[in-house]
Amino acid sequence: MGWLFATVFLWVALGNVVLVLRSRALGKRSCLVPLIGGLAGMAACFLLPFPWLAHWWWVPLIADLGSGFLFGVTAVFLVWRAIKGSPSGGPTSPPR
């Protein structure tokens, strides 16, 4: 089962790299596949018969462009939200 997850990780991560390169070359926008490759790679680290690989479970989450980008954007948003703070009055009602 670990080899299946490793194969899924490699295909999705490679697909994300091809999408980024193609969008840069052609100037078109593309949508990365978030989390699937990173989570499959993380599962492969725990399921493959190499005990030392479990210590590197976090690498596929960063190496896969879809997962890495998603985590990066989320981290920036959370830091920005913490610095900005929440509004004191809560959500505002729309003007009448």
PDB file of N, CA and C in Angstrom:
ATOM      1  N   MET A   1       0.816  -1.195   0.000  1.00  0.00           N
ATOM      2  CA  MET A   1       0.000   0.000   0.000  1.00  0.00           C
ATOM      3  C   MET A   1       0.862   1.263   0.000  1.00  0.00           C
ATOM      4  N   GLY A   2       2.011   1.179   0.677  1.00  0.00           N
ATOM      5  CA  GLY A   2       2.908   2.331   0.716  1.00  0.00           C
ATOM      6  C   GLY A   2       3.427   2.706  -0.659  1.00  0.00           C
ATOM      7  N   TRP A   3       3.674   1.692  -1.487  1.00  0.00           N
ATOM      8  CA  TRP A   3       4.165   1.976  -2.843  1.00  0.00           C
ATOM      9  C   TRP A   3       3.103   2.667  -3.677  1.00  0.00           C
ATOM     10  N   LEU A   4       1.832   2.329  -3.450  1.00  0.00           N
ATOM     11  CA  LEU A   4       0.741   3.000  -4.155  1.00  0.00           C
ATOM     12  C   LEU A   4       0.678   4.474  -3.773  1.00  0.00           C
ATOM     13  N   PHE A   5       0.780   4.758  -2.482  1.00  0.00           N
ATOM     14  CA  PHE A   5       0.790   6.156  -2.037  1.00  0.00           C
ATOM     15  C   PHE A   5       2.003   6.909  -2.577  1.00  0.00           C
ATOM     16  N   ALA A   6       3.152   6.245  -2.633  1.00  0.00           N
ATOM     17  CA  ALA A   6       4.351   6.886  -3.180  1.00  0.00           C
ATOM     18  C   ALA A   6       4.165   7.201  -4.659  1.00  0.00           C
ATOM     19  N   THR A   7       3.535   6.290  -5.389  1.00  0.00           N
ATOM     20  CA  THR A   7       3.280   6.527  -6.815  1.00  0.00           C
ATOM     21  C   THR A   7       2.302   7.677  -7.014  1.00  0.00           C
ATOM     22  N   VAL A   8       1.252   7.717  -6.206  1.00  0.00           N
ATOM     23  CA  VAL A   8       0.286   8.823  -6.298  1.00  0.00           C
ATOM     24  C   VAL A   8       0.975  10.143  -6.004  1.00  0.00           C
ATOM     25  N   PHE A   9       1.815  10.157  -4.958  1.00  0.00           N
ATOM     26  CA  PHE A   9       2.547  11.386  -4.631  1.00  0.00           C
ATOM     27  C   PHE A   9       3.408  11.847  -5.801  1.00  0.00           C
ATOM     28  N   LEU A  10       4.164  10.919  -6.383  1.00  0.00           N
ATOM     29  CA  LEU A  10       5.054  11.297  -7.483  1.00  0.00           C
ATOM     30  C   LEU A  10       4.276  11.811  -8.685  1.00  0.00           C
ATOM     31  N   TRP A  11       3.176  11.172  -9.041  1.00  0.00           N
ATOM     32  CA  TRP A  11       2.393  11.618 -10.194  1.00  0.00           C
ATOM     33  C   TRP A  11       1.741  12.981  -9.952  1.00  0.00           C
ATOM     34  N   VAL A  12       1.164  13.163  -8.779  1.00  0.00           N
ATOM     35  CA  VAL A  12       0.500  14.439  -8.498  1.00  0.00           C
ATOM     36  C   VAL A  12       1.527  15.561  -8.365  1.00  0.00           C
ATOM     37  N   ALA A  13       2.640  15.304  -7.683  1.00  0.00           N
ATOM     38  CA  ALA A  13       3.680  16.327  -7.540  1.00  0.00           C
ATOM     39  C   ALA A  13       4.266  16.692  -8.901  1.00  0.00           C
ATOM     40  N   LEU A  14       4.521  15.689  -9.737  1.00  0.00           N
ATOM     41  CA  LEU A  14       5.031  15.963 -11.084  1.00  0.00           C
ATOM     42  C   LEU A  14       3.995  16.716 -11.904  1.00  0.00           C
ATOM     43  N   GLY A  15       2.733  16.337 -11.769  1.00  0.00           N
ATOM     44  CA  GLY A  15       1.663  17.056 -12.473  1.00  0.00           C
ATOM     45  C   GLY A  15       1.578  18.511 -12.054  1.00  0.00           C
ATOM     46  N   ASN A  16       1.756  18.789 -10.771  1.00  0.00           N
ATOM     47  CA  ASN A  16       1.740  20.178 -10.305  1.00  0.00           C
ATOM     48  C   ASN A  16       2.916  20.970 -10.867  1.00  0.00           C
ATOM     49  N   VAL A  17       4.085  20.337 -10.949  1.00  0.00           N
ATOM     50  CA  VAL A  17       5.252  21.010 -11.526  1.00  0.00           C
ATOM     51  C   VAL A  17       4.999  21.313 -13.004  1.00  0.00           C
ATOM     52  N   VAL A  18       4.433  20.363 -13.732  1.00  0.00           N
ATOM     53  CA  VAL A  18       4.131  20.583 -15.155  1.00  0.00           C
ATOM     54  C   VAL A  18       3.113  21.703 -15.308  1.00  0.00           C
ATOM     55  N   LEU A  19       2.099  21.747 -14.440  1.00  0.00           N
ATOM     56  CA  LEU A  19       1.110  22.824 -14.506  1.00  0.00           C
ATOM     57  C   LEU A  19       1.750  24.194 -14.289  1.00  0.00           C
ATOM     58  N   VAL A  20       2.645  24.288 -13.326  1.00  0.00           N
ATOM     59  CA  VAL A  20       3.308  25.570 -13.053  1.00  0.00           C
ATOM     60  C   VAL A  20       4.187  25.975 -14.232  1.00  0.00           C
ATOM     61  N   LEU A  21       4.977  25.046 -14.744  1.00  0.00           N
ATOM     62  CA  LEU A  21       5.859  25.363 -15.874  1.00  0.00           C
ATOM     63  C   LEU A  21       5.053  25.745 -17.113  1.00  0.00           C
ATOM     64  N   ARG A  22       3.960  25.031 -17.377  1.00  0.00           N
ATOM     65  CA  ARG A  22       3.132  25.333 -18.536  1.00  0.00           C
ATOM     66  C   ARG A  22       2.464  26.694 -18.386  1.00  0.00           C
ATOM     67  N   SER A  23       1.998  27.000 -17.183  1.00  0.00           N
ATOM     68  CA  SER A  23       1.352  28.299 -16.993  1.00  0.00           C
ATOM     69  C   SER A  23       2.346  29.438 -17.128  1.00  0.00           C
ATOM     70  N   ARG A  24       3.590  29.218 -16.701  1.00  0.00           N
ATOM     71  CA  ARG A  24       4.621  30.252 -16.870  1.00  0.00           C
ATOM     72  C   ARG A  24       4.989  30.426 -18.338  1.00  0.00           C
ATOM     73  N   ALA A  25       5.101  29.325 -19.061  1.00  0.00           N
ATOM     74  CA  ALA A  25       5.514  29.391 -20.461  1.00  0.00           C
ATOM     75  C   ALA A  25       4.415  29.982 -21.342  1.00  0.00           C
ATOM     76  N   LEU A  26       3.169  29.609 -21.102  1.00  0.00           N
ATOM     77  CA  LEU A  26       2.073  30.051 -21.955  1.00  0.00           C
ATOM     78  C   LEU A  26       1.366  31.293 -21.427  1.00  0.00           C
ATOM     79  N   GLY A  27       1.666  31.681 -20.206  1.00  0.00           N
ATOM     80  CA  GLY A  27       1.031  32.855 -19.631  1.00  0.00           C
ATOM     81  C   GLY A  27      -0.417  32.615 -19.238  1.00  0.00           C
ATOM     82  N   LYS A  28      -0.804  31.358 -19.111  1.00  0.00           N
ATOM     83  CA  LYS A  28      -2.172  31.042 -18.711  1.00  0.00           C
ATOM     84  C   LYS A  28      -2.201  30.683 -17.238  1.00  0.00           C
ATOM     85  N   ARG A  29      -3.372  30.853 -16.641  1.00  0.00           N
ATOM     86  CA  ARG A  29      -3.536  30.473 -15.243  1.00  0.00           C
ATOM     87  C   ARG A  29      -3.836  28.990 -15.163  1.00  0.00           C
ATOM     88  N   SER A  30      -3.389  28.381 -14.087  1.00  0.00           N
ATOM     89  CA  SER A  30      -3.685  26.969 -13.875  1.00  0.00           C
ATOM     90  C   SER A  30      -4.037  26.750 -12.408  1.00  0.00           C
ATOM     91  N   CYS A  31      -4.659  25.642 -12.138  1.00  0.00           N
ATOM     92  CA  CYS A  31      -5.080  25.318 -10.784  1.00  0.00           C
ATOM     93  C   CYS A  31      -4.316  24.088 -10.318  1.00  0.00           C
ATOM     94  N   LEU A  32      -3.549  24.244  -9.239  1.00  0.00           N
ATOM     95  CA  LEU A  32      -2.807  23.123  -8.686  1.00  0.00           C
ATOM     96  C   LEU A  32      -3.748  22.196  -7.928  1.00  0.00           C
ATOM     97  N   VAL A  33      -3.347  20.950  -7.803  1.00  0.00           N
ATOM     98  CA  VAL A  33      -4.129  19.968  -7.050  1.00  0.00           C
ATOM     99  C   VAL A  33      -3.653  20.036  -5.607  1.00  0.00           C
ATOM    100  N   PRO A  34      -4.438  20.628  -4.697  1.00  0.00           N
ATOM    101  CA  PRO A  34      -3.959  20.795  -3.329  1.00  0.00           C
ATOM    102  C   PRO A  34      -4.126  19.537  -2.482  1.00  0.00           C
ATOM    103  N   LEU A  35      -3.181  19.308  -1.625  1.00  0.00           N
ATOM    104  CA  LEU A  35      -3.181  18.302  -0.566  1.00  0.00           C
ATOM    105  C   LEU A  35      -3.119  16.842  -1.002  1.00  0.00           C
ATOM    106  N   ILE A  36      -3.611  16.472  -2.162  1.00  0.00           N
ATOM    107  CA  ILE A  36      -3.645  15.051  -2.530  1.00  0.00           C
ATOM    108  C   ILE A  36      -2.239  14.474  -2.607  1.00  0.00           C
ATOM    109  N   GLY A  37      -1.359  15.139  -3.316  1.00  0.00           N
ATOM    110  CA  GLY A  37       0.008  14.640  -3.428  1.00  0.00           C
ATOM    111  C   GLY A  37       0.746  14.661  -2.104  1.00  0.00           C
ATOM    112  N   GLY A  38       0.613  15.740  -1.367  1.00  0.00           N
ATOM    113  CA  GLY A  38       1.305  15.846  -0.084  1.00  0.00           C
ATOM    114  C   GLY A  38       0.831  14.815   0.927  1.00  0.00           C
ATOM    115  N   LEU A  39      -0.476  14.608   1.005  1.00  0.00           N
ATOM    116  CA  LEU A  39      -1.000  13.622   1.943  1.00  0.00           C
ATOM    117  C   LEU A  39      -0.655  12.197   1.528  1.00  0.00           C
ATOM    118  N   ALA A  40      -0.658  11.930   0.222  1.00  0.00           N
ATOM    119  CA  ALA A  40      -0.256  10.600  -0.253  1.00  0.00           C
ATOM    120  C   ALA A  40       1.219  10.345   0.048  1.00  0.00           C
ATOM    121  N   GLY A  41       2.053  11.353  -0.136  1.00  0.00           N
ATOM    122  CA  GLY A  41       3.469  11.208   0.194  1.00  0.00           C
ATOM    123  C   GLY A  41       3.702  11.024   1.679  1.00  0.00           C
ATOM    124  N   MET A  42       2.924  11.720   2.484  1.00  0.00           N
ATOM    125  CA  MET A  42       3.036  11.568   3.927  1.00  0.00           C
ATOM    126  C   MET A  42       2.635  10.151   4.344  1.00  0.00           C
ATOM    127  N   ALA A  43       1.559   9.624   3.781  1.00  0.00           N
ATOM    128  CA  ALA A  43       1.139   8.257   4.083  1.00  0.00           C
ATOM    129  C   ALA A  43       2.188   7.254   3.625  1.00  0.00           C
ATOM    130  N   ALA A  44       2.808   7.520   2.486  1.00  0.00           N
ATOM    131  CA  ALA A  44       3.857   6.613   1.984  1.00  0.00           C
ATOM    132  C   ALA A  44       5.039   6.571   2.940  1.00  0.00           C
ATOM    133  N   CYS A  45       5.368   7.701   3.546  1.00  0.00           N
ATOM    134  CA  CYS A  45       6.488   7.728   4.496  1.00  0.00           C
ATOM    135  C   CYS A  45       6.242   6.801   5.675  1.00  0.00           C
ATOM    136  N   PHE A  46       4.995   6.681   6.101  1.00  0.00           N
ATOM    137  CA  PHE A  46       4.683   5.820   7.247  1.00  0.00           C
ATOM    138  C   PHE A  46       4.464   4.366   6.844  1.00  0.00           C
ATOM    139  N   LEU A  47       4.049   4.112   5.603  1.00  0.00           N
ATOM    140  CA  LEU A  47       3.677   2.756   5.212  1.00  0.00           C
ATOM    141  C   LEU A  47       4.771   1.993   4.478  1.00  0.00           C
ATOM    142  N   LEU A  48       5.740   2.701   3.918  1.00  0.00           N
ATOM    143  CA  LEU A  48       6.824   1.998   3.225  1.00  0.00           C
ATOM    144  C   LEU A  48       7.708   1.263   4.231  1.00  0.00           C
ATOM    145  N   PRO A  49       8.366   0.184   3.815  1.00  0.00           N
ATOM    146  CA  PRO A  49       9.137  -0.631   4.769  1.00  0.00           C
ATOM    147  C   PRO A  49      10.513  -0.060   5.117  1.00  0.00           C
ATOM    148  N   PHE A  50      10.626   1.227   5.191  1.00  0.00           N
ATOM    149  CA  PHE A  50      11.880   1.879   5.562  1.00  0.00           C
ATOM    150  C   PHE A  50      11.624   2.679   6.831  1.00  0.00           C
ATOM    151  N   PRO A  51      12.070   2.197   7.991  1.00  0.00           N
ATOM    152  CA  PRO A  51      11.737   2.869   9.258  1.00  0.00           C
ATOM    153  C   PRO A  51      12.257   4.302   9.345  1.00  0.00           C
ATOM    154  N   TRP A  52      13.381   4.599   8.742  1.00  0.00           N
ATOM    155  CA  TRP A  52      13.951   5.944   8.816  1.00  0.00           C
ATOM    156  C   TRP A  52      13.104   6.955   8.060  1.00  0.00           C
ATOM    157  N   LEU A  53      12.275   6.489   7.130  1.00  0.00           N
ATOM    158  CA  LEU A  53      11.480   7.393   6.301  1.00  0.00           C
ATOM    159  C   LEU A  53      10.371   8.081   7.092  1.00  0.00           C
ATOM    160  N   ALA A  54       9.931   7.471   8.179  1.00  0.00           N
ATOM    161  CA  ALA A  54       8.855   8.062   8.985  1.00  0.00           C
ATOM    162  C   ALA A  54       9.280   9.388   9.608  1.00  0.00           C
ATOM    163  N   HIS A  55      10.570   9.588   9.814  1.00  0.00           N
ATOM    164  CA  HIS A  55      11.053  10.855  10.371  1.00  0.00           C
ATOM    165  C   HIS A  55      10.960  12.000   9.364  1.00  0.00           C
ATOM    166  N   TRP A  56      10.796  11.670   8.093  1.00  0.00           N
ATOM    167  CA  TRP A  56      10.744  12.672   7.029  1.00  0.00           C
ATOM    168  C   TRP A  56       9.323  12.851   6.492  1.00  0.00           C
ATOM    169  N   TRP A  57       8.311  12.598   7.304  1.00  0.00           N
ATOM    170  CA  TRP A  57       6.921  12.652   6.866  1.00  0.00           C
ATOM    171  C   TRP A  57       6.509  14.035   6.366  1.00  0.00           C
ATOM    172  N   TRP A  58       7.144  15.089   6.827  1.00  0.00           N
ATOM    173  CA  TRP A  58       6.763  16.458   6.487  1.00  0.00           C
ATOM    174  C   TRP A  58       7.302  16.909   5.131  1.00  0.00           C
ATOM    175  N   VAL A  59       8.293  16.216   4.592  1.00  0.00           N
ATOM    176  CA  VAL A  59       8.908  16.639   3.331  1.00  0.00           C
ATOM    177  C   VAL A  59       7.926  16.605   2.155  1.00  0.00           C
ATOM    178  N   PRO A  60       7.093  15.551   1.981  1.00  0.00           N
ATOM    179  CA  PRO A  60       6.155  15.590   0.850  1.00  0.00           C
ATOM    180  C   PRO A  60       5.158  16.740   0.910  1.00  0.00           C
ATOM    181  N   LEU A  61       4.805  17.172   2.109  1.00  0.00           N
ATOM    182  CA  LEU A  61       3.877  18.295   2.220  1.00  0.00           C
ATOM    183  C   LEU A  61       4.484  19.588   1.698  1.00  0.00           C
ATOM    184  N   ILE A  62       5.789  19.709   1.799  1.00  0.00           N
ATOM    185  CA  ILE A  62       6.470  20.910   1.303  1.00  0.00           C
ATOM    186  C   ILE A  62       6.887  20.730  -0.154  1.00  0.00           C
ATOM    187  N   ALA A  63       7.313  19.523  -0.514  1.00  0.00           N
ATOM    188  CA  ALA A  63       7.816  19.266  -1.861  1.00  0.00           C
ATOM    189  C   ALA A  63       6.716  19.347  -2.914  1.00  0.00           C
ATOM    190  N   ASP A  64       5.518  18.935  -2.571  1.00  0.00           N
ATOM    191  CA  ASP A  64       4.407  19.028  -3.512  1.00  0.00           C
ATOM    192  C   ASP A  64       3.977  20.485  -3.601  1.00  0.00           C
ATOM    193  N   LEU A  65       3.998  21.035  -4.800  1.00  0.00           N
ATOM    194  CA  LEU A  65       3.694  22.456  -4.965  1.00  0.00           C
ATOM    195  C   LEU A  65       2.275  22.796  -4.558  1.00  0.00           C
ATOM    196  N   GLY A  66       1.329  21.907  -4.790  1.00  0.00           N
ATOM    197  CA  GLY A  66      -0.057  22.173  -4.396  1.00  0.00           C
ATOM    198  C   GLY A  66      -0.200  22.286  -2.893  1.00  0.00           C
ATOM    199  N   SER A  67       0.390  21.368  -2.162  1.00  0.00           N
ATOM    200  CA  SER A  67       0.304  21.389  -0.692  1.00  0.00           C
ATOM    201  C   SER A  67       1.150  22.510  -0.115  1.00  0.00           C
ATOM    202  N   GLY A  68       2.364  22.659  -0.616  1.00  0.00           N
ATOM    203  CA  GLY A  68       3.250  23.707  -0.114  1.00  0.00           C
ATOM    204  C   GLY A  68       2.657  25.090  -0.293  1.00  0.00           C
ATOM    205  N   PHE A  69       2.081  25.333  -1.460  1.00  0.00           N
ATOM    206  CA  PHE A  69       1.455  26.631  -1.718  1.00  0.00           C
ATOM    207  C   PHE A  69       0.265  26.852  -0.802  1.00  0.00           C
ATOM    208  N   LEU A  70      -0.553  25.810  -0.616  1.00  0.00           N
ATOM    209  CA  LEU A  70      -1.725  25.925   0.248  1.00  0.00           C
ATOM    210  C   LEU A  70      -1.326  26.221   1.685  1.00  0.00           C
ATOM    211  N   PHE A  71      -0.324  25.499   2.197  1.00  0.00           N
ATOM    212  CA  PHE A  71       0.138  25.754   3.561  1.00  0.00           C
ATOM    213  C   PHE A  71       0.779  27.126   3.693  1.00  0.00           C
ATOM    214  N   GLY A  72       1.513  27.552   2.677  1.00  0.00           N
ATOM    215  CA  GLY A  72       2.144  28.871   2.711  1.00  0.00           C
ATOM    216  C   GLY A  72       1.125  29.994   2.746  1.00  0.00           C
ATOM    217  N   VAL A  73       0.121  29.908   1.891  1.00  0.00           N
ATOM    218  CA  VAL A  73      -0.922  30.942   1.855  1.00  0.00           C
ATOM    219  C   VAL A  73      -1.710  30.953   3.161  1.00  0.00           C
ATOM    220  N   THR A  74      -2.000  29.771   3.693  1.00  0.00           N
ATOM    221  CA  THR A  74      -2.729  29.694   4.960  1.00  0.00           C
ATOM    222  C   THR A  74      -1.917  30.304   6.098  1.00  0.00           C
ATOM    223  N   ALA A  75      -0.610  30.023   6.124  1.00  0.00           N
ATOM    224  CA  ALA A  75       0.249  30.582   7.173  1.00  0.00           C
ATOM    225  C   ALA A  75       0.308  32.103   7.075  1.00  0.00           C
ATOM    226  N   VAL A  76       0.452  32.634   5.862  1.00  0.00           N
ATOM    227  CA  VAL A  76       0.489  34.084   5.684  1.00  0.00           C
ATOM    228  C   VAL A  76      -0.841  34.703   6.124  1.00  0.00           C
ATOM    229  N   PHE A  77      -1.953  34.072   5.772  1.00  0.00           N
ATOM    230  CA  PHE A  77      -3.263  34.590   6.171  1.00  0.00           C
ATOM    231  C   PHE A  77      -3.419  34.599   7.686  1.00  0.00           C
ATOM    232  N   LEU A  78      -2.995  33.517   8.346  1.00  0.00           N
ATOM    233  CA  LEU A  78      -3.140  33.452   9.802  1.00  0.00           C
ATOM    234  C   LEU A  78      -2.254  34.466  10.506  1.00  0.00           C
ATOM    235  N   VAL A  79      -1.039  34.668  10.006  1.00  0.00           N
ATOM    236  CA  VAL A  79      -0.155  35.677  10.595  1.00  0.00           C
ATOM    237  C   VAL A  79      -0.734  37.071  10.368  1.00  0.00           C
ATOM    238  N   TRP A  80      -1.227  37.330   9.168  1.00  0.00           N
ATOM    239  CA  TRP A  80      -1.825  38.637   8.859  1.00  0.00           C
ATOM    240  C   TRP A  80      -3.039  38.883   9.744  1.00  0.00           C
ATOM    241  N   ARG A  81      -3.847  37.850   9.939  1.00  0.00           N
ATOM    242  CA  ARG A  81      -5.035  37.978  10.776  1.00  0.00           C
ATOM    243  C   ARG A  81      -4.655  38.220  12.231  1.00  0.00           C
ATOM    244  N   ALA A  82      -3.571  37.565  12.705  1.00  0.00           N
ATOM    245  CA  ALA A  82      -3.133  37.761  14.084  1.00  0.00           C
ATOM    246  C   ALA A  82      -2.582  39.165  14.290  1.00  0.00           C
ATOM    247  N   ILE A  83      -1.868  39.693  13.308  1.00  0.00           N
ATOM    248  CA  ILE A  83      -1.313  41.042  13.414  1.00  0.00           C
ATOM    249  C   ILE A  83      -2.428  42.083  13.330  1.00  0.00           C
ATOM    250  N   LYS A  84      -3.326  41.898  12.379  1.00  0.00           N
ATOM    251  CA  LYS A  84      -4.408  42.856  12.190  1.00  0.00           C
ATOM    252  C   LYS A  84      -5.391  42.809  13.348  1.00  0.00           C
ATOM    253  N   GLY A  85      -5.660  41.629  13.868  1.00  0.00           N
ATOM    254  CA  GLY A  85      -6.620  41.485  14.958  1.00  0.00           C
ATOM    255  C   GLY A  85      -8.031  41.401  14.426  1.00  0.00           C
ATOM    256  N   SER A  86      -8.903  40.885  15.249  1.00  0.00           N
ATOM    257  CA  SER A  86     -10.304  40.790  14.830  1.00  0.00           C
ATOM    258  C   SER A  86     -11.011  42.090  15.144  1.00  0.00           C
ATOM    259  N   PRO A  87     -12.052  42.407  14.405  1.00  0.00           N
ATOM    260  CA  PRO A  87     -12.795  43.637  14.690  1.00  0.00           C
ATOM    261  C   PRO A  87     -13.398  43.580  16.089  1.00  0.00           C
ATOM    262  N   SER A  88     -13.412  44.716  16.790  1.00  0.00           N
ATOM    263  CA  SER A  88     -13.878  44.737  18.172  1.00  0.00           C
ATOM    264  C   SER A  88     -15.384  44.568  18.272  1.00  0.00           C
ATOM    265  N   GLY A  89     -16.100  45.024  17.313  1.00  0.00           N
ATOM    266  CA  GLY A  89     -17.554  44.950  17.383  1.00  0.00           C
ATOM    267  C   GLY A  89     -18.129  43.722  16.725  1.00  0.00           C
ATOM    268  N   GLY A  90     -17.329  42.867  16.211  1.00  0.00           N
ATOM    269  CA  GLY A  90     -17.843  41.703  15.511  1.00  0.00           C
ATOM    270  C   GLY A  90     -18.291  42.085  14.111  1.00  0.00           C
ATOM    271  N   PRO A  91     -19.065  41.223  13.470  1.00  0.00           N
ATOM    272  CA  PRO A  91     -19.520  41.540  12.109  1.00  0.00           C
ATOM    273  C   PRO A  91     -20.466  42.738  12.109  1.00  0.00           C
ATOM    274  N   THR A  92     -20.328  43.547  11.110  1.00  0.00           N
ATOM    275  CA  THR A  92     -21.173  44.740  11.038  1.00  0.00           C
ATOM    276  C   THR A  92     -22.418  44.426  10.203  1.00  0.00           C
ATOM    277  N   SER A  93     -23.487  45.098  10.517  1.00  0.00           N
ATOM    278  CA  SER A  93     -24.708  44.909   9.744  1.00  0.00           C
ATOM    279  C   SER A  93     -24.650  45.792   8.512  1.00  0.00           C
ATOM    280  N   PRO A  94     -25.307  45.359   7.444  1.00  0.00           N
ATOM    281  CA  PRO A  94     -25.259  46.158   6.216  1.00  0.00           C
ATOM    282  C   PRO A  94     -26.033  47.470   6.400  1.00  0.00           C
ATOM    283  N   PRO A  95     -25.602  48.521   5.723  1.00  0.00           N
ATOM    284  CA  PRO A  95     -26.295  49.818   5.846  1.00  0.00           C
ATOM    285  C   PRO A  95     -27.691  49.732   5.218  1.00  0.00           C
ATOM    286  N   ARG A  96     -28.610  50.544   5.768  1.00  0.00           N
ATOM    287  CA  ARG A  96     -29.989  50.535   5.248  1.00  0.00           C
ATOM    288  C   ARG A  96     -30.243  51.695   4.366  1.00  0.00           C
TER     289      ARG A  96
END
